[in-house]
N, C-alpha and C. Protein backbone atom coordinates (compact mmCIF):
# COMPACT_ATOMS: atom_id res chain seq x y z
N MET A 1 106.52 161.53 18.60
CA MET A 1 106.80 162.92 18.80
C MET A 1 106.21 163.75 17.68
N ASN A 2 105.81 164.90 18.05
CA ASN A 2 105.25 165.83 17.06
C ASN A 2 106.24 166.97 16.90
N THR A 3 106.64 167.18 15.69
CA THR A 3 107.64 168.21 15.45
C THR A 3 107.07 169.44 14.75
N ALA A 4 105.78 169.60 14.87
CA ALA A 4 105.18 170.76 14.21
C ALA A 4 105.66 172.03 14.87
N PHE A 5 105.86 173.01 14.09
CA PHE A 5 106.32 174.32 14.52
C PHE A 5 107.65 174.27 15.24
N GLY A 6 108.44 173.22 14.99
CA GLY A 6 109.77 173.16 15.54
C GLY A 6 109.83 172.80 17.02
N MET A 7 108.71 172.39 17.61
CA MET A 7 108.72 172.03 19.03
C MET A 7 108.40 170.54 19.18
N GLU A 8 109.01 169.95 20.13
CA GLU A 8 108.73 168.55 20.38
C GLU A 8 107.69 168.43 21.50
N THR A 9 106.67 167.68 21.26
CA THR A 9 105.68 167.41 22.30
C THR A 9 105.47 165.90 22.40
N ARG A 10 105.08 165.46 23.59
CA ARG A 10 104.81 164.03 23.79
C ARG A 10 103.35 163.84 24.12
N ARG A 11 102.84 162.71 23.70
CA ARG A 11 101.47 162.35 24.04
C ARG A 11 101.48 161.69 25.41
N ARG A 12 100.63 162.20 26.30
CA ARG A 12 100.59 161.64 27.65
C ARG A 12 99.19 161.15 27.98
N GLY A 13 99.12 160.18 28.98
CA GLY A 13 97.83 159.77 29.53
C GLY A 13 97.09 158.73 28.73
N LYS A 14 97.63 158.25 27.65
CA LYS A 14 96.94 157.25 26.84
C LYS A 14 97.79 156.00 26.78
N PRO A 15 97.47 154.95 27.62
CA PRO A 15 98.26 153.73 27.56
C PRO A 15 98.06 153.01 26.24
N ALA A 16 99.08 152.33 25.83
CA ALA A 16 99.03 151.61 24.56
C ALA A 16 98.13 150.39 24.67
N GLY A 17 97.49 149.99 23.62
CA GLY A 17 96.70 148.78 23.56
C GLY A 17 95.23 148.96 23.93
N ARG A 18 94.76 150.08 24.33
CA ARG A 18 93.36 150.33 24.67
C ARG A 18 92.73 151.16 23.58
N PRO A 19 91.55 150.73 23.15
CA PRO A 19 90.86 151.58 22.17
C PRO A 19 90.46 152.90 22.82
N GLY A 20 90.68 153.94 22.22
CA GLY A 20 90.31 155.24 22.76
C GLY A 20 91.33 155.74 23.75
N GLY A 21 92.22 154.84 24.21
CA GLY A 21 93.31 155.23 25.09
C GLY A 21 92.91 155.55 26.52
N GLY A 22 91.62 155.34 26.97
CA GLY A 22 91.20 155.65 28.33
C GLY A 22 91.75 154.65 29.33
N GLY A 23 91.89 155.04 30.59
CA GLY A 23 92.43 154.18 31.64
C GLY A 23 91.36 153.45 32.44
N GLY A 24 90.06 153.59 32.15
CA GLY A 24 88.99 152.96 32.93
C GLY A 24 88.59 151.61 32.38
N PHE A 25 87.44 151.11 32.88
CA PHE A 25 86.90 149.83 32.42
C PHE A 25 85.89 150.06 31.32
N THR A 26 85.78 149.07 30.45
CA THR A 26 84.77 149.16 29.41
C THR A 26 83.43 148.71 29.98
N LEU A 27 82.36 149.01 29.30
CA LEU A 27 81.02 148.63 29.74
C LEU A 27 80.88 147.12 29.84
N ILE A 28 81.47 146.38 28.94
CA ILE A 28 81.41 144.91 28.96
C ILE A 28 82.12 144.37 30.20
N GLU A 29 83.27 144.91 30.55
CA GLU A 29 83.98 144.46 31.74
C GLU A 29 83.17 144.73 33.01
N ILE A 30 82.52 145.86 33.08
CA ILE A 30 81.69 146.19 34.24
C ILE A 30 80.51 145.23 34.35
N LEU A 31 79.85 144.94 33.23
CA LEU A 31 78.71 144.02 33.24
C LEU A 31 79.14 142.61 33.66
N ILE A 32 80.29 142.14 33.19
CA ILE A 32 80.78 140.82 33.57
C ILE A 32 81.10 140.80 35.06
N GLY A 33 81.73 141.84 35.56
CA GLY A 33 82.05 141.93 36.99
C GLY A 33 80.80 141.94 37.86
N ILE A 34 79.78 142.68 37.47
CA ILE A 34 78.52 142.74 38.22
C ILE A 34 77.84 141.38 38.20
N THR A 35 77.88 140.68 37.08
CA THR A 35 77.27 139.35 36.97
C THR A 35 77.96 138.37 37.91
N ILE A 36 79.28 138.37 37.94
CA ILE A 36 80.02 137.47 38.83
C ILE A 36 79.72 137.80 40.28
N LEU A 37 79.67 139.08 40.62
CA LEU A 37 79.35 139.50 41.98
C LEU A 37 77.94 139.07 42.38
N ALA A 38 76.97 139.21 41.48
CA ALA A 38 75.58 138.84 41.77
C ALA A 38 75.45 137.33 42.02
N VAL A 39 76.14 136.52 41.21
CA VAL A 39 76.09 135.07 41.39
C VAL A 39 76.67 134.70 42.76
N GLY A 40 77.78 135.33 43.14
CA GLY A 40 78.38 135.06 44.45
C GLY A 40 77.47 135.47 45.59
N LEU A 41 76.85 136.63 45.49
CA LEU A 41 75.96 137.09 46.55
C LEU A 41 74.71 136.23 46.67
N LEU A 42 74.19 135.73 45.55
CA LEU A 42 73.03 134.84 45.61
C LEU A 42 73.39 133.52 46.30
N GLY A 43 74.58 133.03 46.06
CA GLY A 43 75.03 131.81 46.74
C GLY A 43 75.14 132.01 48.24
N ILE A 44 75.66 133.15 48.64
CA ILE A 44 75.77 133.46 50.07
C ILE A 44 74.38 133.63 50.68
N ALA A 45 73.47 134.28 49.98
CA ALA A 45 72.12 134.48 50.50
C ALA A 45 71.41 133.14 50.71
N GLY A 46 71.65 132.17 49.85
CA GLY A 46 71.05 130.85 50.00
C GLY A 46 71.53 130.15 51.26
N MET A 47 72.74 130.44 51.68
CA MET A 47 73.28 129.81 52.89
C MET A 47 72.57 130.32 54.15
N PHE A 48 72.06 131.54 54.13
CA PHE A 48 71.38 132.09 55.31
C PHE A 48 70.13 131.30 55.65
N SER A 49 69.33 130.95 54.66
CA SER A 49 68.11 130.19 54.95
C SER A 49 68.45 128.79 55.44
N THR A 50 69.46 128.17 54.87
CA THR A 50 69.89 126.85 55.32
C THR A 50 70.41 126.92 56.75
N ALA A 51 71.19 127.95 57.05
CA ALA A 51 71.73 128.10 58.40
C ALA A 51 70.60 128.32 59.41
N TYR A 52 69.59 129.09 59.05
CA TYR A 52 68.48 129.34 59.96
C TYR A 52 67.74 128.04 60.28
N VAL A 53 67.49 127.23 59.26
CA VAL A 53 66.80 125.95 59.47
C VAL A 53 67.64 125.05 60.37
N ASP A 54 68.94 124.99 60.13
CA ASP A 54 69.82 124.14 60.94
C ASP A 54 69.89 124.62 62.39
N ILE A 55 69.95 125.92 62.60
CA ILE A 55 70.00 126.45 63.96
C ILE A 55 68.68 126.18 64.69
N SER A 56 67.58 126.34 64.00
CA SER A 56 66.28 126.06 64.60
C SER A 56 66.15 124.59 64.97
N ALA A 57 66.57 123.71 64.08
CA ALA A 57 66.52 122.27 64.35
C ALA A 57 67.44 121.91 65.52
N GLY A 58 68.60 122.53 65.59
CA GLY A 58 69.52 122.28 66.70
C GLY A 58 68.92 122.72 68.03
N GLY A 59 68.21 123.84 68.02
CA GLY A 59 67.56 124.32 69.24
C GLY A 59 66.49 123.36 69.71
N LYS A 60 65.70 122.83 68.76
CA LYS A 60 64.66 121.87 69.14
C LYS A 60 65.26 120.56 69.67
N THR A 61 66.35 120.13 69.07
CA THR A 61 67.02 118.92 69.55
C THR A 61 67.56 119.14 70.95
N THR A 62 68.13 120.30 71.20
CA THR A 62 68.62 120.62 72.53
C THR A 62 67.49 120.61 73.56
N MET A 63 66.33 121.13 73.17
CA MET A 63 65.18 121.12 74.09
C MET A 63 64.73 119.70 74.37
N ALA A 64 64.76 118.84 73.37
CA ALA A 64 64.35 117.44 73.57
C ALA A 64 65.32 116.74 74.53
N VAL A 65 66.60 116.97 74.37
CA VAL A 65 67.60 116.37 75.26
C VAL A 65 67.41 116.91 76.68
N THR A 66 67.17 118.21 76.80
CA THR A 66 66.95 118.83 78.11
C THR A 66 65.74 118.22 78.81
N ALA A 67 64.66 118.03 78.07
CA ALA A 67 63.44 117.43 78.64
C ALA A 67 63.72 116.01 79.12
N ALA A 68 64.38 115.21 78.29
CA ALA A 68 64.67 113.82 78.66
C ALA A 68 65.57 113.76 79.90
N ARG A 69 66.57 114.62 79.94
CA ARG A 69 67.47 114.63 81.11
C ARG A 69 66.74 115.03 82.38
N GLN A 70 65.85 116.02 82.27
CA GLN A 70 65.11 116.46 83.45
C GLN A 70 64.20 115.35 83.97
N ILE A 71 63.56 114.64 83.08
CA ILE A 71 62.68 113.55 83.48
C ILE A 71 63.48 112.44 84.19
N ILE A 72 64.64 112.11 83.63
CA ILE A 72 65.49 111.09 84.26
C ILE A 72 65.94 111.56 85.64
N GLU A 73 66.31 112.82 85.76
CA GLU A 73 66.73 113.34 87.07
C GLU A 73 65.58 113.28 88.08
N ASP A 74 64.37 113.61 87.63
CA ASP A 74 63.22 113.52 88.53
C ASP A 74 62.97 112.09 88.98
N MET A 75 63.19 111.13 88.08
CA MET A 75 62.93 109.74 88.42
C MET A 75 63.89 109.23 89.49
N ARG A 76 65.04 109.82 89.58
CA ARG A 76 66.00 109.42 90.61
C ARG A 76 65.52 109.80 92.01
N LEU A 77 64.55 110.70 92.08
CA LEU A 77 63.99 111.12 93.37
C LEU A 77 62.93 110.15 93.89
N LEU A 78 62.42 109.31 93.00
CA LEU A 78 61.38 108.36 93.40
C LEU A 78 61.99 107.18 94.17
N PRO A 79 61.24 106.62 95.11
CA PRO A 79 61.70 105.39 95.76
C PRO A 79 61.86 104.28 94.71
N PHE A 80 62.86 103.43 94.90
CA PHE A 80 63.18 102.38 93.93
C PHE A 80 61.96 101.54 93.55
N ASP A 81 61.16 101.15 94.53
CA ASP A 81 60.00 100.28 94.26
C ASP A 81 58.91 101.01 93.48
N ASN A 82 58.90 102.34 93.50
CA ASN A 82 57.87 103.11 92.79
C ASN A 82 58.22 103.41 91.34
N LEU A 83 59.43 103.12 90.91
CA LEU A 83 59.84 103.43 89.54
C LEU A 83 58.94 102.75 88.51
N VAL A 84 58.52 101.52 88.77
CA VAL A 84 57.69 100.80 87.81
C VAL A 84 56.32 101.47 87.63
N ASN A 85 55.91 102.31 88.57
CA ASN A 85 54.61 102.98 88.47
C ASN A 85 54.57 104.03 87.35
N VAL A 86 55.73 104.50 86.90
CA VAL A 86 55.74 105.49 85.83
C VAL A 86 55.99 104.86 84.46
N ASN A 87 56.09 103.53 84.43
CA ASN A 87 56.24 102.85 83.14
C ASN A 87 55.02 103.12 82.28
N GLY A 88 55.24 103.54 81.07
CA GLY A 88 54.14 103.80 80.13
C GLY A 88 53.58 105.20 80.18
N VAL A 89 54.15 106.09 80.98
CA VAL A 89 53.66 107.47 81.02
C VAL A 89 53.93 108.13 79.67
N ASP A 90 52.89 108.76 79.14
CA ASP A 90 52.96 109.52 77.89
C ASP A 90 52.44 110.92 78.22
N THR A 91 53.28 111.93 78.02
CA THR A 91 52.89 113.28 78.42
C THR A 91 51.78 113.88 77.56
N ASN A 92 51.38 113.20 76.52
CA ASN A 92 50.25 113.69 75.70
C ASN A 92 48.94 112.99 76.04
N THR A 93 48.99 112.01 76.93
CA THR A 93 47.80 111.24 77.26
C THR A 93 47.50 111.35 78.76
N VAL A 94 46.40 112.01 79.07
CA VAL A 94 46.02 112.19 80.48
C VAL A 94 45.81 110.84 81.15
N ALA A 95 45.26 109.89 80.42
CA ALA A 95 44.95 108.57 81.01
C ALA A 95 46.19 107.79 81.40
N SER A 96 47.38 108.17 80.91
CA SER A 96 48.59 107.41 81.24
C SER A 96 49.22 107.86 82.56
N GLN A 97 48.61 108.84 83.22
CA GLN A 97 49.16 109.31 84.50
C GLN A 97 49.07 108.19 85.54
N PRO A 98 50.10 108.06 86.36
CA PRO A 98 50.03 107.06 87.44
C PRO A 98 48.93 107.44 88.44
N ALA A 99 48.39 106.44 89.10
CA ALA A 99 47.30 106.68 90.04
C ALA A 99 47.80 107.24 91.37
N GLY A 100 48.98 106.80 91.81
CA GLY A 100 49.45 107.18 93.14
C GLY A 100 50.40 108.36 93.14
N GLN A 101 50.62 108.88 94.33
CA GLN A 101 51.55 109.98 94.54
C GLN A 101 52.87 109.40 95.03
N PRO A 102 54.00 109.97 94.79
CA PRO A 102 54.29 111.23 94.11
C PRO A 102 54.42 111.11 92.60
N GLU A 103 54.23 109.89 92.06
CA GLU A 103 54.41 109.67 90.63
C GLU A 103 53.45 110.50 89.79
N ARG A 104 52.21 110.65 90.26
CA ARG A 104 51.21 111.41 89.50
C ARG A 104 51.65 112.87 89.36
N ASP A 105 52.12 113.47 90.44
CA ASP A 105 52.59 114.85 90.36
C ASP A 105 53.79 114.99 89.43
N MET A 106 54.67 114.00 89.45
CA MET A 106 55.83 114.06 88.55
C MET A 106 55.40 113.98 87.09
N ALA A 107 54.45 113.11 86.79
CA ALA A 107 53.97 112.98 85.41
C ALA A 107 53.33 114.30 84.95
N ARG A 108 52.61 114.95 85.83
CA ARG A 108 52.01 116.25 85.50
C ARG A 108 53.11 117.29 85.24
N LYS A 109 54.14 117.25 86.07
CA LYS A 109 55.27 118.18 85.90
C LYS A 109 55.94 117.95 84.55
N TRP A 110 56.11 116.68 84.17
CA TRP A 110 56.74 116.37 82.90
C TRP A 110 55.91 116.88 81.73
N ARG A 111 54.59 116.72 81.84
CA ARG A 111 53.71 117.23 80.79
C ARG A 111 53.90 118.74 80.64
N TYR A 112 53.91 119.45 81.76
CA TYR A 112 54.06 120.90 81.71
C TYR A 112 55.44 121.28 81.16
N LEU A 113 56.44 120.49 81.48
CA LEU A 113 57.80 120.75 81.00
C LEU A 113 57.87 120.69 79.48
N VAL A 114 57.37 119.62 78.88
CA VAL A 114 57.56 119.42 77.44
C VAL A 114 56.48 120.06 76.57
N ALA A 115 55.29 120.29 77.11
CA ALA A 115 54.22 120.80 76.24
C ALA A 115 53.41 121.94 76.83
N GLY A 116 53.69 122.33 78.06
CA GLY A 116 52.90 123.39 78.67
C GLY A 116 51.52 122.88 79.05
N SER A 117 50.62 123.81 79.31
CA SER A 117 49.26 123.40 79.68
C SER A 117 48.52 122.94 78.43
N GLY A 118 47.57 122.04 78.62
CA GLY A 118 46.82 121.53 77.48
C GLY A 118 45.45 121.06 77.90
N VAL A 119 44.66 120.71 76.93
CA VAL A 119 43.30 120.26 77.17
C VAL A 119 43.33 119.01 78.04
N GLY A 120 42.54 119.05 79.11
CA GLY A 120 42.41 117.89 79.98
C GLY A 120 43.40 117.83 81.12
N TRP A 121 44.41 118.66 81.12
CA TRP A 121 45.43 118.57 82.17
C TRP A 121 45.09 119.44 83.37
N ASN A 122 44.44 120.55 83.20
CA ASN A 122 43.96 121.40 84.29
C ASN A 122 45.00 121.67 85.38
N PHE A 123 46.07 122.33 85.00
CA PHE A 123 47.12 122.68 85.96
C PHE A 123 46.64 123.82 86.85
N THR A 124 47.04 123.76 88.11
CA THR A 124 46.68 124.82 89.04
C THR A 124 47.68 125.97 88.88
N ALA A 125 47.31 127.13 89.37
CA ALA A 125 48.20 128.29 89.32
C ALA A 125 49.47 128.02 90.12
N ALA A 126 49.34 127.32 91.23
CA ALA A 126 50.51 126.98 92.05
C ALA A 126 51.47 126.06 91.30
N GLU A 127 50.94 125.08 90.56
CA GLU A 127 51.79 124.19 89.79
C GLU A 127 52.53 124.96 88.69
N MET A 128 51.82 125.80 87.98
CA MET A 128 52.44 126.55 86.89
C MET A 128 53.47 127.55 87.41
N ALA A 129 53.27 128.07 88.62
CA ALA A 129 54.25 128.99 89.21
C ALA A 129 55.50 128.25 89.66
N GLN A 130 55.33 127.01 90.09
CA GLN A 130 56.44 126.21 90.61
C GLN A 130 57.25 125.56 89.50
N TRP A 131 56.61 125.13 88.43
CA TRP A 131 57.28 124.41 87.36
C TRP A 131 57.66 125.34 86.23
N THR A 132 58.55 124.86 85.37
CA THR A 132 58.93 125.61 84.18
C THR A 132 58.56 124.80 82.95
N SER A 133 58.36 125.50 81.87
CA SER A 133 58.05 124.87 80.59
C SER A 133 59.15 125.27 79.60
N LEU A 134 59.50 124.37 78.71
CA LEU A 134 60.55 124.65 77.74
C LEU A 134 60.01 125.48 76.58
N TYR A 135 60.79 126.48 76.20
CA TYR A 135 60.42 127.35 75.09
C TYR A 135 61.55 127.36 74.08
N THR A 136 61.20 127.38 72.82
CA THR A 136 62.17 127.52 71.74
C THR A 136 61.63 128.49 70.72
N GLY A 137 62.42 129.47 70.37
CA GLY A 137 61.98 130.46 69.38
C GLY A 137 60.79 131.28 69.85
N GLY A 138 60.64 131.49 71.15
CA GLY A 138 59.54 132.29 71.68
C GLY A 138 58.23 131.53 71.83
N ALA A 139 58.22 130.27 71.44
CA ALA A 139 56.99 129.46 71.55
C ALA A 139 57.28 128.25 72.42
N ASN A 140 56.22 127.69 73.00
CA ASN A 140 56.36 126.49 73.81
C ASN A 140 56.94 125.38 72.96
N PHE A 141 57.79 124.56 73.55
CA PHE A 141 58.44 123.46 72.82
C PHE A 141 57.43 122.55 72.14
N GLY A 142 56.31 122.29 72.81
CA GLY A 142 55.24 121.51 72.19
C GLY A 142 55.59 120.06 71.93
N GLY A 143 56.41 119.49 72.79
CA GLY A 143 56.85 118.12 72.58
C GLY A 143 56.01 117.09 73.31
N GLN A 144 56.54 115.90 73.32
CA GLN A 144 55.90 114.76 73.96
C GLN A 144 57.01 113.89 74.52
N ALA A 145 56.77 113.27 75.65
CA ALA A 145 57.75 112.36 76.22
C ALA A 145 57.06 111.08 76.64
N THR A 146 57.75 109.97 76.45
CA THR A 146 57.25 108.68 76.93
C THR A 146 58.33 108.06 77.80
N VAL A 147 57.87 107.36 78.82
CA VAL A 147 58.79 106.75 79.78
C VAL A 147 58.58 105.23 79.77
N ALA A 148 59.69 104.51 79.72
CA ALA A 148 59.64 103.05 79.79
C ALA A 148 60.58 102.61 80.91
N VAL A 149 60.08 101.75 81.78
CA VAL A 149 60.88 101.23 82.89
C VAL A 149 60.87 99.71 82.79
N THR A 150 62.06 99.11 82.74
CA THR A 150 62.18 97.66 82.73
C THR A 150 62.98 97.24 83.96
N SER A 151 62.85 95.98 84.30
CA SER A 151 63.55 95.45 85.49
C SER A 151 64.43 94.28 85.07
N PRO A 152 65.67 94.56 84.67
CA PRO A 152 66.56 93.46 84.28
C PRO A 152 66.90 92.51 85.43
N SER A 153 66.82 93.02 86.67
CA SER A 153 67.06 92.17 87.84
C SER A 153 66.28 92.76 89.01
N PRO A 154 66.14 92.03 90.10
CA PRO A 154 65.38 92.56 91.24
C PRO A 154 65.96 93.84 91.85
N THR A 155 67.24 94.09 91.62
CA THR A 155 67.87 95.28 92.21
C THR A 155 68.26 96.32 91.17
N LEU A 156 67.74 96.17 89.97
CA LEU A 156 68.13 97.09 88.88
C LEU A 156 66.92 97.47 88.04
N ARG A 157 66.80 98.76 87.72
CA ARG A 157 65.75 99.27 86.83
C ARG A 157 66.41 100.04 85.69
N GLN A 158 65.97 99.76 84.48
CA GLN A 158 66.44 100.54 83.35
C GLN A 158 65.33 101.50 82.96
N VAL A 159 65.66 102.79 82.94
CA VAL A 159 64.70 103.84 82.61
C VAL A 159 65.08 104.42 81.25
N THR A 160 64.12 104.45 80.33
CA THR A 160 64.34 105.05 79.02
C THR A 160 63.28 106.12 78.79
N VAL A 161 63.75 107.31 78.47
CA VAL A 161 62.85 108.43 78.17
C VAL A 161 63.04 108.79 76.71
N SER A 162 61.93 108.80 75.97
CA SER A 162 61.97 109.13 74.54
C SER A 162 61.21 110.43 74.30
N VAL A 163 61.85 111.36 73.58
CA VAL A 163 61.24 112.64 73.25
C VAL A 163 61.42 112.90 71.76
N PRO A 164 60.33 112.80 70.96
CA PRO A 164 60.44 113.13 69.54
C PRO A 164 60.69 114.63 69.38
N VAL A 165 61.55 114.97 68.44
CA VAL A 165 61.85 116.38 68.16
C VAL A 165 60.79 116.89 67.18
N PRO A 166 59.97 117.86 67.59
CA PRO A 166 58.89 118.35 66.71
C PRO A 166 59.44 118.88 65.38
N GLY A 167 58.84 118.39 64.29
CA GLY A 167 59.20 118.86 62.96
C GLY A 167 60.46 118.28 62.37
N ARG A 168 61.12 117.32 63.04
CA ARG A 168 62.37 116.79 62.53
C ARG A 168 62.31 115.31 62.17
N GLY A 169 61.35 114.58 62.72
CA GLY A 169 61.30 113.15 62.45
C GLY A 169 62.39 112.38 63.16
N VAL A 170 62.96 112.97 64.19
CA VAL A 170 64.02 112.35 64.98
C VAL A 170 63.54 112.23 66.41
N THR A 171 63.91 111.17 67.09
CA THR A 171 63.55 110.99 68.50
C THR A 171 64.81 110.90 69.34
N VAL A 172 64.83 111.69 70.40
CA VAL A 172 65.92 111.61 71.37
C VAL A 172 65.52 110.58 72.41
N ALA A 173 66.36 109.61 72.65
CA ALA A 173 66.07 108.58 73.66
C ALA A 173 67.27 108.48 74.60
N LEU A 174 67.02 108.73 75.87
CA LEU A 174 68.07 108.62 76.89
C LEU A 174 67.71 107.48 77.84
N SER A 175 68.70 106.71 78.23
CA SER A 175 68.49 105.60 79.16
C SER A 175 69.47 105.71 80.31
N THR A 176 69.04 105.21 81.44
CA THR A 176 69.92 105.13 82.60
C THR A 176 69.55 103.91 83.41
N LEU A 177 70.44 103.52 84.26
CA LEU A 177 70.20 102.40 85.17
C LEU A 177 70.12 102.94 86.58
N ILE A 178 69.13 102.49 87.32
CA ILE A 178 68.97 102.88 88.71
C ILE A 178 68.98 101.58 89.52
N SER A 179 69.82 101.55 90.54
CA SER A 179 69.94 100.32 91.31
C SER A 179 69.54 100.53 92.76
N ARG A 180 69.15 99.45 93.37
CA ARG A 180 68.84 99.46 94.79
C ARG A 180 70.14 99.07 95.51
N LEU A 181 70.47 99.84 96.51
CA LEU A 181 71.69 99.55 97.25
C LEU A 181 71.43 98.62 98.39
């Protein structure tokens, strides 16, 4: 209390324990707070690039599974005795196409599905209008599929379709059994 001139006055607005008595933050406290905030934001920003890579890889894996499933579904349309004719089909090799129909048309469809049109394949406008090609990220999937058919018994065929995932070093392989009734 100040008793000058016979009046009592109180000091207001200055909390105890602060130099200068101000109620705000010091420059050092602000700099420490900004540094902690910047480190946290940089950590979060690093997660965005990782998440983008993971989402892109997941999309490519989904496309590979979709391609393999479609090929297996198409093979179920073939007569049982003709299944062995598609053994060894590689959608990147024109020479691996089966000689007979309808297997040859199916192999061409599979090529267009996983990789679109390419050198040596010469798809007609009607084929491209009828078939679809897989796209990921606005670009053609650009994959490859191989088909293997084995005969564990005279009335059973095992079909395995392998599709490498572009840029991942992983291969999706789906197998099914088709039997003669």
